[in-house]
Amino acid sequence: MSQRDHWGSRLGFVLAAAGSAVGLGNLWKFPYIAWNNDGGAFVYVYLVCIAVIGLPLMMAEIMIGRRAQTSPVPAYGQLGFPKWAFVGWIGVAAGVIILAFYVVIAGWSISSFYNCLRWSFSGYHNDVDFGAFVGSGSTQISLSLVFLFITAIIVSRGVSKGIEKATKIMMPVLFAILLYLVINSGFLDGFGKAFTFLLRPNFGEFFAHPHGILEALGHAFFTLSLGMGAMVTYGSYMSKGESITRSAIAIVVLDTVIALTACVIMYSIIFSVPELQERLRGGGMSTSSMLFVTLPEMFYTKVPGGVFVGPIFYILVGFAALTSTISLLEVVTALLVDKLNIPRTKATFSAAGGIGVLTIGAALSLGASEFLTNMKLFGPLEWLNHKITADKAGVLAILDHVSANWFLPVGGFLFAIFVGWVFKKKDAVEELELQNADGSPSFWFNAWYFAVKVICPLVIGYIIFKVLKGADFS
């Protein structure tokens, strides 16, 4: 087997890992659930959850990857615990399922960019029927597979020459676009109200509805690409001597700052358009319709400089999605390379081809195929059908529901149990380099260890319990 590829620099790793964490969830889901949970209080509780759950698990996944120097499934055998390999398989399965439907939604950014560019030159026309758009099988398949193909091209070029090189371009561009959009938001009437909504908490109202706490716990876990093998895989390319702790903190900070910045941008628009506030408060708008239907209209009818903002915003959406799909495909590619010892290019396009079949099913389940749109689970999984709401499409809704509510939390729970109760503590101390001068575990190591060993299993276990009781994180 050829020598394992590694990141060319710590910055490359941090940008790639942050890119994996920063996805459509930062741009649409986080602002949406923060809005529905009274803003400020939710944000503060979420920040605590990120520090107590997200960061420790992020460090643990990177640590296991670097220690094993291989992908998630063989990592457990490499560390001397082959019976735990099934946890790696759960993560890989989650990544495959998520990527299959994620590229469908990511493909919409291509169409939205094209429409905004067209309107910037010809003037805005309300000439896009979103229902007809998602119901067009040929359009959905084409956009999805184009996005998957672009992802595969980057991944096939390797870690340092492909993934790192691409993210070193895309992430700075993403930051620059966010900065431009924030500056532009400063000219909107709702800019000040957006900050007030985000930073002024109403804890009494928030804690009166425990659902908001559950949302904060859940998003703190899901936002960082945890439980799907991505951070284990990326960690396996990390060189010895690089600080896992500092890298993980940088990744978490970047992800959080981008999510909060997206909130400022979104809320500045919302507070500037009273009818948009009413539609959101009335619950008559989904996250997808907000991002791909309502915002384009707002850019060209309500937002100053919308002819520039519109196309630039959907470049941001596309880059955020692409940095995530890259990490998801890399998980499967790395597994094929490590397990079958085949060339990376062959592994990448084999993985993409297999996932593409599932993607076609998801793409056709938005109205193009009546059978796939109305598909239900059967056999031992039939009991889950009542948990998948009727307003969501068949195959895509099933993939979303199963991955978000079962594969990710169950895999994350088992991973926390493994690191906290099975993996050798002295190896963790050595890998994280959190020890005192005499070699004993430092205070910060003990805090991390307690979080992974006790807090994370309890919290993720609670999330699984709530899913069993009917909660839905999809």
Protein backbone atom coordinates (compact mmCIF):
# COMPACT_ATOMS: atom_id res chain seq x y z
CA MET A 1 0.00 0.00 0.00
CA SER A 2 1.27 3.48 -0.88
CA GLN A 3 2.16 5.92 1.86
CA ARG A 4 -0.86 7.68 3.34
CA ASP A 5 -1.50 11.20 2.10
CA HIS A 6 -1.42 14.01 4.66
CA TRP A 7 -2.54 17.60 4.88
CA GLY A 8 0.06 20.02 3.63
CA SER A 9 -0.50 22.38 6.55
CA ARG A 10 -2.52 22.84 9.73
CA LEU A 11 -4.43 25.64 8.00
CA GLY A 12 -5.38 23.26 5.20
CA PHE A 13 -6.77 20.76 7.69
CA VAL A 14 -8.69 23.39 9.66
CA LEU A 15 -10.23 24.90 6.51
CA ALA A 16 -11.16 21.47 5.12
CA ALA A 17 -12.69 20.31 8.41
CA ALA A 18 -14.47 23.62 8.92
CA GLY A 19 -15.74 23.33 5.35
CA SER A 20 -17.11 19.90 6.17
CA ALA A 21 -18.95 21.31 9.19
CA VAL A 22 -20.11 24.46 7.41
CA GLY A 23 -22.91 23.42 5.11
CA LEU A 24 -26.48 24.21 4.21
CA GLY A 25 -27.41 23.71 7.85
CA ASN A 26 -25.45 26.84 8.80
CA LEU A 27 -27.15 28.91 6.12
CA TRP A 28 -30.73 27.73 6.45
CA LYS A 29 -31.38 25.35 9.34
CA PHE A 30 -29.61 27.20 12.16
CA PRO A 31 -31.17 30.62 11.36
CA TYR A 32 -34.55 28.90 10.99
CA ILE A 33 -34.53 27.03 14.31
CA ALA A 34 -32.99 30.01 16.14
CA TRP A 35 -35.82 32.16 14.78
CA ASN A 36 -38.44 29.66 15.92
CA ASN A 37 -36.87 29.52 19.40
CA ASP A 38 -36.77 33.25 20.21
CA GLY A 39 -33.22 33.99 19.06
CA GLY A 40 -30.92 35.13 21.86
CA ALA A 41 -31.70 32.56 24.54
CA PHE A 42 -31.45 29.74 22.02
CA VAL A 43 -28.09 31.04 20.78
CA TYR A 44 -26.59 31.19 24.29
CA VAL A 45 -27.81 27.70 25.17
CA TYR A 46 -26.53 26.45 21.82
CA LEU A 47 -23.07 27.91 22.50
CA VAL A 48 -22.93 26.05 25.81
CA CYS A 49 -23.97 22.84 24.05
CA ILE A 50 -21.27 23.31 21.41
CA ALA A 51 -18.61 23.75 24.10
CA VAL A 52 -19.77 20.80 26.20
CA ILE A 53 -20.80 18.32 23.47
CA GLY A 54 -19.64 19.40 20.03
CA LEU A 55 -16.03 20.32 20.82
CA PRO A 56 -15.24 17.21 22.94
CA LEU A 57 -16.68 14.86 20.30
CA MET A 58 -14.86 16.73 17.54
CA MET A 59 -11.57 16.27 19.41
CA ALA A 60 -12.37 12.59 19.99
CA GLU A 61 -13.08 11.86 16.32
CA ILE A 62 -9.94 13.62 15.12
CA MET A 63 -7.93 11.83 17.82
CA ILE A 64 -9.14 8.36 16.80
CA GLY A 65 -8.46 9.10 13.14
CA ARG A 66 -4.93 10.33 13.72
CA ARG A 67 -4.13 7.54 16.16
CA ALA A 68 -5.28 4.84 13.73
CA GLN A 69 -4.04 6.54 10.53
CA THR A 70 -6.85 4.91 8.58
CA SER A 71 -10.54 5.36 7.74
CA PRO A 72 -13.38 4.79 10.25
CA VAL A 73 -14.10 1.09 9.70
CA PRO A 74 -10.55 -0.35 9.85
CA ALA A 75 -9.60 2.21 12.52
CA TYR A 76 -11.04 0.09 15.32
CA GLY A 77 -9.05 -2.97 14.28
CA GLN A 78 -5.93 -0.87 13.91
CA LEU A 79 -6.40 0.31 17.50
CA GLY A 80 -6.89 -3.25 18.75
CA PHE A 81 -10.69 -3.29 18.99
CA PRO A 82 -11.94 -5.02 15.79
CA LYS A 83 -15.31 -5.90 17.33
CA TRP A 84 -16.14 -2.19 17.39
CA ALA A 85 -15.77 -1.83 13.61
CA PHE A 86 -19.56 -1.86 13.28
CA VAL A 87 -19.57 1.66 14.74
CA GLY A 88 -17.44 2.76 11.80
CA TRP A 89 -19.89 1.09 9.41
CA ILE A 90 -22.76 3.05 10.96
CA GLY A 91 -20.88 6.28 10.30
CA VAL A 92 -20.06 5.35 6.71
CA ALA A 93 -23.68 4.34 6.08
CA ALA A 94 -24.84 7.68 7.49
CA GLY A 95 -22.45 9.52 5.17
CA VAL A 96 -23.65 7.60 2.11
CA ILE A 97 -27.30 8.25 2.91
CA ILE A 98 -26.77 11.95 3.62
CA LEU A 99 -24.67 12.52 0.50
CA ALA A 100 -27.29 10.80 -1.66
CA PHE A 101 -29.99 13.36 -0.85
CA TYR A 102 -27.72 16.30 0.06
CA VAL A 103 -26.51 16.71 -3.53
CA VAL A 104 -30.13 16.98 -4.65
CA ILE A 105 -30.65 20.05 -2.48
CA ALA A 106 -27.15 21.34 -3.21
CA GLY A 107 -27.96 21.19 -6.91
CA TRP A 108 -30.67 23.78 -6.37
CA SER A 109 -27.94 26.34 -5.68
CA ILE A 110 -26.82 25.99 -9.30
CA SER A 111 -30.32 26.76 -10.56
CA SER A 112 -30.79 29.63 -8.10
CA PHE A 113 -27.46 31.17 -9.11
CA TYR A 114 -28.46 30.97 -12.78
CA ASN A 115 -31.87 32.54 -12.13
CA CYS A 116 -30.38 35.36 -10.06
CA LEU A 117 -27.74 36.04 -12.70
CA ARG A 118 -30.46 36.14 -15.35
CA TRP A 119 -32.63 38.50 -13.31
CA SER A 120 -29.65 40.76 -12.61
CA PHE A 121 -29.37 41.48 -16.33
CA SER A 122 -32.99 41.25 -17.51
CA GLY A 123 -34.86 42.43 -14.42
CA TYR A 124 -36.76 40.34 -11.89
CA HIS A 125 -39.64 38.24 -13.17
CA ASN A 126 -41.54 35.88 -10.93
CA ASP A 127 -41.19 33.20 -13.57
CA VAL A 128 -39.95 30.23 -11.55
CA ASP A 129 -42.49 27.67 -10.36
CA PHE A 130 -40.65 25.89 -7.55
CA GLY A 131 -43.12 23.01 -7.51
CA ALA A 132 -42.63 22.42 -11.22
CA PHE A 133 -38.87 22.81 -10.79
CA VAL A 134 -38.49 20.14 -8.11
CA GLY A 135 -41.02 17.95 -9.91
CA SER A 136 -38.97 17.88 -13.12
CA GLY A 137 -37.11 14.58 -13.01
CA SER A 138 -34.61 15.43 -15.74
CA THR A 139 -33.74 18.77 -14.12
CA GLN A 140 -33.32 17.30 -10.64
CA ILE A 141 -31.22 14.36 -11.84
CA SER A 142 -29.01 16.61 -13.98
CA LEU A 143 -28.31 19.17 -11.25
CA SER A 144 -27.74 16.48 -8.60
CA LEU A 145 -25.34 14.42 -10.69
CA VAL A 146 -23.44 17.52 -11.86
CA PHE A 147 -22.88 18.48 -8.22
CA LEU A 148 -21.85 14.92 -7.36
CA PHE A 149 -19.47 14.82 -10.34
CA ILE A 150 -17.80 18.10 -9.31
CA THR A 151 -17.37 16.63 -5.82
CA ALA A 152 -15.83 13.46 -7.25
CA ILE A 153 -13.37 15.39 -9.42
CA ILE A 154 -12.00 17.20 -6.35
CA VAL A 155 -11.87 14.09 -4.13
CA SER A 156 -10.20 12.00 -6.85
CA ARG A 157 -7.20 14.34 -6.86
CA GLY A 158 -6.26 13.38 -3.33
CA VAL A 159 -6.05 15.01 0.07
CA SER A 160 -3.39 17.69 -0.37
CA LYS A 161 -3.75 18.26 -4.13
CA GLY A 162 -7.53 17.95 -4.26
CA ILE A 163 -9.45 18.52 -1.03
CA GLU A 164 -6.98 20.87 0.65
CA LYS A 165 -6.29 22.88 -2.48
CA ALA A 166 -10.01 23.29 -3.23
CA THR A 167 -10.97 24.29 0.30
CA LYS A 168 -8.08 26.77 0.51
CA ILE A 169 -9.79 28.53 -2.39
CA MET A 170 -13.44 28.06 -1.47
CA MET A 171 -13.31 28.87 2.25
CA PRO A 172 -11.62 32.30 1.89
CA VAL A 173 -14.10 33.12 -0.89
CA LEU A 174 -16.91 32.00 1.41
CA PHE A 175 -15.61 34.28 4.19
CA ALA A 176 -15.29 37.20 1.77
CA ILE A 177 -18.85 36.73 0.52
CA LEU A 178 -20.18 36.58 4.08
CA LEU A 179 -18.32 39.80 4.92
CA TYR A 180 -19.79 41.51 1.85
CA LEU A 181 -23.30 40.33 2.70
CA VAL A 182 -22.98 41.52 6.31
CA ILE A 183 -21.80 44.95 5.15
CA ASN A 184 -24.69 45.07 2.70
CA SER A 185 -27.09 44.07 5.49
CA GLY A 186 -25.93 47.11 7.44
CA PHE A 187 -27.90 49.28 5.00
CA LEU A 188 -31.16 47.46 5.74
CA ASP A 189 -33.71 48.76 8.25
CA GLY A 190 -33.71 45.45 10.09
CA PHE A 191 -29.95 45.28 10.77
CA GLY A 192 -30.13 46.61 14.33
CA LYS A 193 -33.15 44.47 15.15
CA ALA A 194 -31.28 41.41 13.90
CA PHE A 195 -28.49 41.95 16.44
CA THR A 196 -30.97 42.64 19.21
CA PHE A 197 -32.89 39.46 18.41
CA LEU A 198 -29.67 37.42 18.41
CA LEU A 199 -28.00 38.87 21.48
CA ARG A 200 -30.84 39.81 23.85
CA PRO A 201 -32.10 36.63 25.49
CA ASN A 202 -35.50 35.95 27.00
CA PHE A 203 -34.61 32.94 29.11
CA GLY A 204 -37.97 32.86 30.87
CA GLU A 205 -39.82 32.36 27.61
CA PHE A 206 -37.19 29.98 26.25
CA PHE A 207 -37.07 27.63 29.24
CA ALA A 208 -40.86 27.59 29.38
CA HIS A 209 -40.72 25.51 26.20
CA PRO A 210 -38.19 22.64 26.64
CA HIS A 211 -38.36 21.85 22.93
CA GLY A 212 -35.90 24.70 22.32
CA ILE A 213 -33.33 23.07 24.60
CA LEU A 214 -33.66 19.82 22.66
CA GLU A 215 -33.20 21.71 19.38
CA ALA A 216 -30.02 23.33 20.75
CA LEU A 217 -28.66 19.97 21.92
CA GLY A 218 -29.47 18.31 18.63
CA HIS A 219 -28.02 21.01 16.41
CA ALA A 220 -24.83 21.19 18.49
CA PHE A 221 -24.29 17.53 17.63
CA PHE A 222 -25.40 17.58 13.99
CA THR A 223 -23.74 20.83 12.85
CA LEU A 224 -20.12 19.66 13.14
CA SER A 225 -20.26 16.66 10.78
CA LEU A 226 -20.03 14.31 13.76
CA GLY A 227 -21.15 10.70 13.70
CA MET A 228 -20.61 10.20 9.97
CA GLY A 229 -16.91 9.33 9.89
CA ALA A 230 -15.82 12.60 8.27
CA MET A 231 -13.71 13.88 11.17
CA VAL A 232 -12.19 10.46 11.79
CA THR A 233 -11.22 10.31 8.12
CA TYR A 234 -9.87 13.87 8.03
CA GLY A 235 -8.05 13.23 11.31
CA SER A 236 -6.30 10.22 9.78
CA TYR A 237 -4.52 12.61 7.39
CA MET A 238 -3.29 14.83 10.23
CA SER A 239 0.41 14.76 10.99
CA LYS A 240 1.81 13.98 14.42
CA GLY A 241 2.88 17.09 16.27
CA GLU A 242 -0.13 19.16 15.21
CA SER A 243 -2.35 20.14 18.12
CA ILE A 244 -5.71 18.38 17.94
CA THR A 245 -7.14 20.66 20.62
CA ARG A 246 -6.20 23.93 18.92
CA SER A 247 -7.35 22.63 15.54
CA ALA A 248 -10.71 21.46 16.91
CA ILE A 249 -11.30 24.77 18.67
CA ALA A 250 -10.53 26.65 15.44
CA ILE A 251 -12.98 24.45 13.50
CA VAL A 252 -15.76 24.89 16.05
CA VAL A 253 -15.22 28.66 16.24
CA LEU A 254 -15.30 29.03 12.45
CA ASP A 255 -18.46 26.94 12.17
CA THR A 256 -20.20 28.92 14.91
CA VAL A 257 -19.14 32.33 13.60
CA ILE A 258 -20.41 31.46 10.12
CA ALA A 259 -23.75 30.24 11.52
CA LEU A 260 -24.21 33.43 13.55
CA THR A 261 -23.17 35.59 10.59
CA ALA A 262 -25.76 33.83 8.44
CA CYS A 263 -28.33 34.68 11.12
CA VAL A 264 -27.42 38.37 10.97
CA ILE A 265 -27.80 38.37 7.18
CA MET A 266 -31.10 36.46 7.20
CA TYR A 267 -32.65 38.36 10.09
CA SER A 268 -31.68 41.74 8.65
CA ILE A 269 -33.77 40.87 5.61
CA ILE A 270 -36.62 39.40 7.68
CA PHE A 271 -36.89 42.41 10.00
CA SER A 272 -36.84 44.71 6.98
CA VAL A 273 -39.85 42.98 5.40
CA PRO A 274 -42.90 42.84 7.73
CA GLU A 275 -44.87 40.40 5.55
CA LEU A 276 -41.93 37.99 5.65
CA GLN A 277 -42.00 38.05 9.46
CA GLU A 278 -45.70 37.19 9.40
CA ARG A 279 -45.16 34.28 7.04
CA LEU A 280 -42.39 32.88 9.23
CA ARG A 281 -44.34 33.32 12.46
CA GLY A 282 -47.33 31.67 10.87
CA GLY A 283 -45.28 28.55 10.18
CA GLY A 284 -46.18 28.70 6.51
CA MET A 285 -42.63 28.49 5.20
CA SER A 286 -40.15 25.62 5.19
CA THR A 287 -36.40 26.09 5.30
CA SER A 288 -36.07 25.10 1.63
CA SER A 289 -38.75 27.52 0.43
CA MET A 290 -37.14 30.27 2.52
CA LEU A 291 -33.72 29.71 0.95
CA PHE A 292 -34.67 28.95 -2.65
CA VAL A 293 -38.01 30.72 -3.20
CA THR A 294 -38.49 33.62 -0.81
CA LEU A 295 -34.94 34.97 -0.60
CA PRO A 296 -34.46 35.35 -4.38
CA GLU A 297 -37.69 37.35 -4.50
CA MET A 298 -36.56 39.50 -1.56
CA PHE A 299 -33.17 40.19 -3.17
CA TYR A 300 -34.80 41.73 -6.23
CA THR A 301 -37.79 43.45 -4.64
CA LYS A 302 -36.72 44.52 -1.14
CA VAL A 303 -32.93 44.41 -0.71
CA PRO A 304 -30.80 47.35 -1.91
CA GLY A 305 -28.20 46.15 -4.40
CA GLY A 306 -30.04 42.86 -4.82
CA VAL A 307 -28.80 42.47 -8.38
CA PHE A 308 -25.34 41.92 -6.90
CA VAL A 309 -26.40 40.21 -3.68
CA GLY A 310 -28.50 37.52 -5.37
CA PRO A 311 -25.87 35.78 -7.52
CA ILE A 312 -23.16 36.21 -4.86
CA PHE A 313 -25.37 34.68 -2.18
CA TYR A 314 -25.91 31.51 -4.21
CA ILE A 315 -22.19 31.19 -4.86
CA LEU A 316 -21.94 31.14 -1.05
CA VAL A 317 -24.64 28.46 -0.83
CA GLY A 318 -22.94 26.35 -3.50
CA PHE A 319 -19.51 26.55 -1.87
CA ALA A 320 -20.93 25.76 1.58
CA ALA A 321 -22.64 22.68 0.16
CA LEU A 322 -19.61 21.57 -1.87
CA THR A 323 -17.19 21.65 1.06
CA SER A 324 -19.60 19.33 2.88
CA THR A 325 -20.19 16.91 0.00
CA ILE A 326 -16.42 16.61 -0.44
CA SER A 327 -16.00 15.30 3.10
CA LEU A 328 -18.93 12.89 2.77
CA LEU A 329 -17.57 11.36 -0.43
CA GLU A 330 -14.06 11.22 1.03
CA VAL A 331 -15.30 8.96 3.85
CA VAL A 332 -16.42 6.29 1.37
CA THR A 333 -13.43 6.81 -0.91
CA ALA A 334 -10.96 6.41 1.96
CA LEU A 335 -12.72 3.22 3.06
CA LEU A 336 -12.41 1.69 -0.42
CA VAL A 337 -8.76 2.71 -0.69
CA ASP A 338 -7.89 1.37 2.77
CA LYS A 339 -9.92 -1.85 2.63
CA LEU A 340 -9.49 -2.83 -1.03
CA ASN A 341 -6.14 -1.16 -1.76
CA ILE A 342 -7.41 0.26 -5.06
CA PRO A 343 -6.33 3.54 -6.71
CA ARG A 344 -8.00 6.67 -5.37
CA THR A 345 -9.51 7.65 -8.73
CA LYS A 346 -11.18 4.26 -9.13
CA ALA A 347 -12.37 4.33 -5.53
CA THR A 348 -13.79 7.84 -5.86
CA PHE A 349 -15.80 7.26 -9.01
CA SER A 350 -16.95 3.82 -7.87
CA ALA A 351 -18.28 5.38 -4.67
CA ALA A 352 -19.84 8.29 -6.55
CA GLY A 353 -21.44 5.91 -9.05
CA GLY A 354 -23.03 3.80 -6.34
CA ILE A 355 -24.25 6.83 -4.41
CA GLY A 356 -25.50 8.35 -7.66
CA VAL A 357 -28.03 5.53 -8.04
CA LEU A 358 -29.50 6.42 -4.65
CA THR A 359 -29.35 10.10 -5.58
CA ILE A 360 -31.47 9.50 -8.67
CA GLY A 361 -34.11 7.89 -6.48
CA ALA A 362 -34.08 10.89 -4.14
CA ALA A 363 -34.19 13.34 -7.06
CA LEU A 364 -37.23 11.63 -8.58
CA SER A 365 -39.07 11.52 -5.25
CA LEU A 366 -39.91 15.23 -5.31
CA GLY A 367 -42.85 14.72 -7.64
CA ALA A 368 -41.36 13.31 -10.84
CA SER A 369 -42.11 9.70 -9.89
CA GLU A 370 -45.38 9.01 -8.11
CA PHE A 371 -44.05 5.69 -6.83
CA LEU A 372 -40.87 7.17 -5.33
CA THR A 373 -42.67 10.27 -4.07
CA ASN A 374 -45.17 8.19 -2.11
CA MET A 375 -42.78 5.40 -1.11
CA LYS A 376 -43.14 4.08 2.42
CA LEU A 377 -40.91 1.93 4.57
CA PHE A 378 -41.96 -1.68 4.95
CA GLY A 379 -41.16 -4.79 6.96
CA PRO A 380 -39.46 -4.20 10.33
CA LEU A 381 -39.10 -0.47 9.53
CA GLU A 382 -42.77 0.11 8.73
CA TRP A 383 -43.38 1.62 12.18
CA LEU A 384 -41.26 4.64 11.18
CA ASN A 385 -43.71 5.76 8.48
CA HIS A 386 -45.92 7.72 10.87
CA LYS A 387 -42.86 9.73 11.97
CA ILE A 388 -42.14 10.93 8.41
CA THR A 389 -44.50 13.83 7.82
CA ALA A 390 -46.85 13.73 4.87
CA ASP A 391 -45.61 17.03 3.41
CA LYS A 392 -42.17 15.57 2.71
CA ALA A 393 -41.29 13.47 -0.32
CA GLY A 394 -40.91 9.70 -0.10
CA VAL A 395 -37.34 8.54 -0.77
CA LEU A 396 -35.68 11.84 0.09
CA ALA A 397 -37.70 12.19 3.31
CA ILE A 398 -36.90 8.60 4.29
CA LEU A 399 -33.16 9.12 3.74
CA ASP A 400 -33.21 12.39 5.66
CA HIS A 401 -35.25 10.97 8.54
CA VAL A 402 -33.30 7.73 8.94
CA SER A 403 -29.88 9.41 8.84
CA ALA A 404 -30.67 12.36 11.12
CA ASN A 405 -32.76 10.49 13.68
CA TRP A 406 -31.10 7.08 13.79
CA PHE A 407 -27.74 6.60 12.13
CA LEU A 408 -26.09 9.81 13.37
CA PRO A 409 -27.23 9.78 17.02
CA VAL A 410 -26.85 6.02 17.47
CA GLY A 411 -23.40 6.08 15.85
CA GLY A 412 -22.41 9.13 17.91
CA PHE A 413 -23.61 7.50 21.12
CA LEU A 414 -21.64 4.31 20.49
CA PHE A 415 -18.57 6.30 19.48
CA ALA A 416 -18.69 8.27 22.75
CA ILE A 417 -19.01 5.00 24.68
CA PHE A 418 -16.00 3.60 22.83
CA VAL A 419 -13.76 6.61 23.46
CA GLY A 420 -14.86 7.12 27.05
CA TRP A 421 -15.09 3.53 28.25
CA VAL A 422 -13.08 1.29 25.91
CA PHE A 423 -10.23 3.29 24.36
CA LYS A 424 -7.18 3.45 26.62
CA LYS A 425 -7.02 6.63 28.64
CA LYS A 426 -3.23 6.84 28.47
CA ASP A 427 -3.39 6.73 24.66
CA ALA A 428 -5.88 9.59 24.69
CA VAL A 429 -3.61 11.64 26.96
CA GLU A 430 -0.68 10.98 24.65
CA GLU A 431 -2.60 11.81 21.46
CA LEU A 432 -4.24 14.98 22.76
CA GLU A 433 -1.03 16.11 24.50
CA LEU A 434 -2.98 17.46 27.46
CA GLN A 435 -0.72 16.53 30.36
CA ASN A 436 1.08 18.22 33.20
CA ALA A 437 4.86 18.52 33.42
CA ASP A 438 5.03 15.21 35.28
CA GLY A 439 3.07 13.45 32.52
CA SER A 440 -0.19 13.18 34.46
CA PRO A 441 -3.48 14.19 32.79
CA SER A 442 -4.07 17.93 32.98
CA PHE A 443 -7.23 19.65 34.20
CA TRP A 444 -8.30 20.24 30.59
CA PHE A 445 -7.84 16.60 29.71
CA ASN A 446 -9.95 15.53 32.68
CA ALA A 447 -12.65 18.01 31.67
CA TRP A 448 -12.62 16.66 28.10
CA TYR A 449 -12.61 13.06 29.33
CA PHE A 450 -15.58 13.65 31.64
CA ALA A 451 -17.50 15.28 28.79
CA VAL A 452 -16.87 12.37 26.40
CA LYS A 453 -17.31 9.64 29.00
CA VAL A 454 -20.36 10.96 30.85
CA ILE A 455 -21.99 14.07 29.39
CA CYS A 456 -21.97 13.12 25.70
CA PRO A 457 -23.46 9.62 26.15
CA LEU A 458 -26.15 11.03 28.44
CA VAL A 459 -27.05 13.87 26.09
CA ILE A 460 -27.00 11.80 22.90
CA GLY A 461 -28.87 9.05 24.73
CA TYR A 462 -31.49 11.65 25.64
CA ILE A 463 -31.72 12.69 21.98
CA ILE A 464 -32.31 9.05 20.98
CA PHE A 465 -34.94 8.73 23.73
CA LYS A 466 -36.75 11.81 22.42
CA VAL A 467 -36.62 10.41 18.88
CA LEU A 468 -38.29 7.26 20.18
CA LYS A 469 -40.93 9.52 21.74
CA GLY A 470 -41.55 11.29 18.43
CA ALA A 471 -38.92 14.06 18.08
CA ASP A 472 -37.64 14.68 14.55
CA PHE A 473 -34.23 16.22 13.74
CA SER A 474 -34.45 15.82 9.95
